Amino acid sequence: MTALTQFKILVVYMPIGSKVFERLFYKLRTRSGNAFLPAPQMKEAIIPHLQSQYLLGLVADQCPGNMHSAYWIDFMGRPTPFASGPEKGARNGELPVVFASIEKPKRGHYHGKVQLACMNAAELPEGELTRMYVRYLESVIHARPDMWLWSHRRWKHAWKEDYQPMRIDEGAMALA
């Protein structure tokens, strides 16, 4: 992707617990010139880039840390938490948003696919961008289930009624 754009690409990621593996994977991840920002320090790590134009990539395979601030929506038929920060950041910055996926036409060959979600996230009602993302992700998974990492624990947190204020399903919107 770096070769296809004039903008610096910033990628937010979760660091690996092992310092040895973290250094190895960081070196592998940044060899194409992209800047990787550790999620726990994202606010500080992004500061040097704020005065320039950049593309910000968020990998959405992480489970949110705070279940009470997460958006809750049915995903693959089960109540599931999604981090609310990406949507809130896009809305606050009045940013365009694209969704991306990876296709594998044959062994060892991969193609990235991007789709414009919106030109200005602030124009959408709260929760709508996350709803759009969840529906997009479900369509990608249904089209290519072999490309989904089924081993990660997306449903490790059970639904509780006290999460209801953050539920964003159609007809269940409870946000102010």
Protein backbone atom coordinates (compact mmCIF):
# COMPACT_ATOMS: atom_id res chain seq x y z
CA MET A 1 0.00 0.00 0.00
CA THR A 2 2.92 2.33 0.68
CA ALA A 3 3.78 2.40 -3.02
CA LEU A 4 0.20 3.31 -3.96
CA THR A 5 -0.12 6.54 -1.99
CA GLN A 6 1.83 9.72 -1.42
CA PHE A 7 0.73 9.88 2.21
CA LYS A 8 2.51 8.42 5.21
CA ILE A 9 0.68 5.34 6.48
CA LEU A 10 0.24 5.07 10.23
CA VAL A 11 -0.93 1.73 11.61
CA VAL A 12 -2.19 1.29 15.16
CA TYR A 13 -1.32 -2.11 16.59
CA MET A 14 -1.26 -4.02 19.87
CA PRO A 15 2.30 -4.76 21.00
CA ILE A 16 3.29 -8.36 21.66
CA GLY A 17 4.01 -9.28 25.29
CA SER A 18 7.40 -10.83 24.57
CA LYS A 19 10.01 -8.09 24.05
CA VAL A 20 12.04 -10.32 21.72
CA PHE A 21 9.06 -11.11 19.49
CA GLU A 22 7.87 -7.48 19.68
CA ARG A 23 11.21 -6.24 18.31
CA LEU A 24 11.21 -8.91 15.57
CA PHE A 25 7.64 -8.23 14.44
CA TYR A 26 8.09 -4.45 14.70
CA LYS A 27 11.08 -4.69 12.36
CA LEU A 28 9.08 -6.85 9.91
CA ARG A 29 6.03 -4.58 10.08
CA THR A 30 7.92 -1.32 9.50
CA ARG A 31 10.27 -2.44 6.73
CA SER A 32 8.02 -0.95 4.02
CA GLY A 33 8.22 2.51 5.58
CA ASN A 34 4.91 2.53 7.44
CA ALA A 35 4.86 3.93 10.96
CA PHE A 36 3.42 1.59 13.57
CA LEU A 37 1.88 3.18 16.65
CA PRO A 38 1.38 1.04 19.76
CA ALA A 39 -2.30 1.26 20.73
CA PRO A 40 -1.66 1.85 24.46
CA GLN A 41 0.49 4.90 23.60
CA MET A 42 -1.36 6.03 20.47
CA LYS A 43 -2.13 9.55 21.75
CA GLU A 44 1.56 10.23 22.32
CA ALA A 45 2.86 8.26 19.33
CA ILE A 46 0.72 10.13 16.79
CA ILE A 47 1.86 13.62 17.88
CA PRO A 48 4.87 13.82 15.49
CA HIS A 49 2.53 13.11 12.56
CA LEU A 50 -0.31 15.54 13.34
CA GLN A 51 1.03 18.40 11.21
CA SER A 52 1.17 16.25 8.06
CA GLN A 53 -1.39 14.36 6.02
CA TYR A 54 -1.47 10.64 6.68
CA LEU A 55 -3.59 7.53 6.32
CA LEU A 56 -4.43 5.88 9.62
CA GLY A 57 -4.97 2.12 9.58
CA LEU A 58 -6.74 0.36 12.42
CA VAL A 59 -6.73 -3.42 12.55
CA ALA A 60 -10.09 -4.39 13.98
CA ASP A 61 -9.29 -7.82 15.33
CA GLN A 62 -8.73 -6.62 18.88
CA CYS A 63 -11.30 -6.92 21.63
CA PRO A 64 -12.05 -3.58 23.34
CA GLY A 65 -10.52 -3.14 26.76
CA ASN A 66 -13.52 -1.47 28.44
CA MET A 67 -16.81 -3.28 27.89
CA HIS A 68 -18.83 -0.34 29.25
CA SER A 69 -17.49 2.13 26.66
CA ALA A 70 -17.57 -0.38 23.80
CA TYR A 71 -20.35 -0.35 21.24
CA TRP A 72 -22.37 -3.56 21.45
CA ILE A 73 -23.97 -5.01 18.32
CA ASP A 74 -25.00 -8.44 17.07
CA PHE A 75 -22.11 -9.82 15.04
CA MET A 76 -22.53 -13.20 13.39
CA GLY A 77 -25.71 -13.58 15.45
CA ARG A 78 -24.17 -12.89 18.87
CA PRO A 79 -23.93 -9.72 21.00
CA THR A 80 -20.36 -8.53 20.51
CA PRO A 81 -18.35 -5.54 21.77
CA PHE A 82 -16.53 -3.28 19.30
CA ALA A 83 -14.13 -0.51 20.28
CA SER A 84 -15.87 2.87 20.09
CA GLY A 85 -12.63 4.87 19.79
CA PRO A 86 -12.14 4.51 16.01
CA GLU A 87 -15.60 5.85 15.26
CA LYS A 88 -15.31 8.64 17.82
CA GLY A 89 -11.94 9.68 16.40
CA ALA A 90 -13.27 9.72 12.83
CA ARG A 91 -16.34 11.70 13.89
CA ASN A 92 -14.31 14.24 15.92
CA GLY A 93 -11.87 14.73 13.05
CA GLU A 94 -14.65 14.88 10.43
CA LEU A 95 -12.64 12.27 8.52
CA PRO A 96 -13.37 10.12 5.48
CA VAL A 97 -13.36 6.40 6.29
CA VAL A 98 -12.62 3.39 4.13
CA PHE A 99 -13.06 -0.27 4.97
CA ALA A 100 -10.42 -2.71 3.77
CA SER A 101 -10.14 -6.45 3.37
CA ILE A 102 -7.65 -8.90 1.95
CA GLU A 103 -8.46 -11.45 -0.73
CA LYS A 104 -6.37 -14.48 -1.59
CA PRO A 105 -6.93 -15.46 -5.24
CA LYS A 106 -4.37 -18.27 -4.99
CA ARG A 107 -1.69 -19.54 -2.66
CA GLY A 108 0.93 -16.91 -1.91
CA HIS A 109 -0.98 -14.12 -3.70
CA TYR A 110 -2.96 -11.46 -1.86
CA HIS A 111 -4.99 -8.47 -3.01
CA GLY A 112 -6.12 -5.59 -0.84
CA LYS A 113 -9.61 -4.28 -1.42
CA VAL A 114 -10.85 -0.92 -0.11
CA GLN A 115 -14.35 0.51 -0.06
CA LEU A 116 -15.34 4.06 0.81
CA ALA A 117 -17.59 3.99 3.86
CA CYS A 118 -18.19 7.75 4.12
CA MET A 119 -16.60 11.07 3.21
CA ASN A 120 -17.24 12.68 6.61
CA ALA A 121 -17.88 10.47 9.63
CA ALA A 122 -19.27 13.44 11.60
CA GLU A 123 -22.29 13.53 9.29
CA LEU A 124 -23.39 10.07 10.48
CA PRO A 125 -25.43 9.46 13.63
CA GLU A 126 -23.44 8.08 16.55
CA GLY A 127 -22.97 4.33 16.22
CA GLU A 128 -23.76 4.28 12.48
CA LEU A 129 -20.15 3.96 11.29
CA THR A 130 -19.59 0.97 13.58
CA ARG A 131 -22.87 -0.60 12.38
CA MET A 132 -21.71 -0.13 8.78
CA TYR A 133 -18.35 -1.69 9.61
CA VAL A 134 -19.92 -4.73 11.31
CA ARG A 135 -22.23 -5.36 8.33
CA TYR A 136 -19.24 -4.95 5.96
CA LEU A 137 -17.16 -7.37 8.01
CA GLU A 138 -19.96 -9.94 8.06
CA SER A 139 -20.27 -9.72 4.26
CA VAL A 140 -16.51 -10.20 3.84
CA ILE A 141 -16.55 -13.23 6.16
CA HIS A 142 -19.56 -14.80 4.41
CA ALA A 143 -17.90 -14.30 1.01
CA ARG A 144 -14.50 -15.71 2.11
CA PRO A 145 -14.74 -17.59 5.43
CA ASP A 146 -11.30 -19.11 4.79
CA MET A 147 -9.73 -15.65 5.21
CA TRP A 148 -11.20 -15.07 8.69
CA LEU A 149 -9.01 -15.89 11.69
CA TRP A 150 -11.49 -18.14 13.48
CA SER A 151 -9.10 -18.89 16.34
CA HIS A 152 -9.18 -15.46 17.96
CA ARG A 153 -11.58 -15.01 20.85
CA ARG A 154 -14.06 -12.44 19.54
CA TRP A 155 -16.75 -13.67 21.97
CA LYS A 156 -14.73 -13.89 25.17
CA HIS A 157 -17.00 -11.31 26.85
CA ALA A 158 -20.60 -12.27 27.58
CA TRP A 159 -23.46 -9.80 27.14
CA LYS A 160 -24.79 -8.22 30.33
CA GLU A 161 -27.86 -6.01 30.60
CA ASP A 162 -25.77 -3.17 32.06
CA TYR A 163 -24.14 -2.83 28.59
CA GLN A 164 -27.55 -1.87 27.12
CA PRO A 165 -26.79 1.90 26.97
CA MET A 166 -24.00 1.18 24.47
CA ARG A 167 -26.02 -1.22 22.26
CA ILE A 168 -26.18 0.13 18.68
CA ASP A 169 -28.26 -2.47 16.84
CA GLU A 170 -31.01 -1.15 14.63
CA GLY A 171 -34.00 -0.42 16.84
CA ALA A 172 -31.90 -0.79 20.01
CA MET A 173 -30.01 2.51 19.81
CA ALA A 174 -29.77 3.86 23.35
CA LEU A 175 -27.04 6.49 22.95
CA ALA A 176 -27.81 10.11 23.73
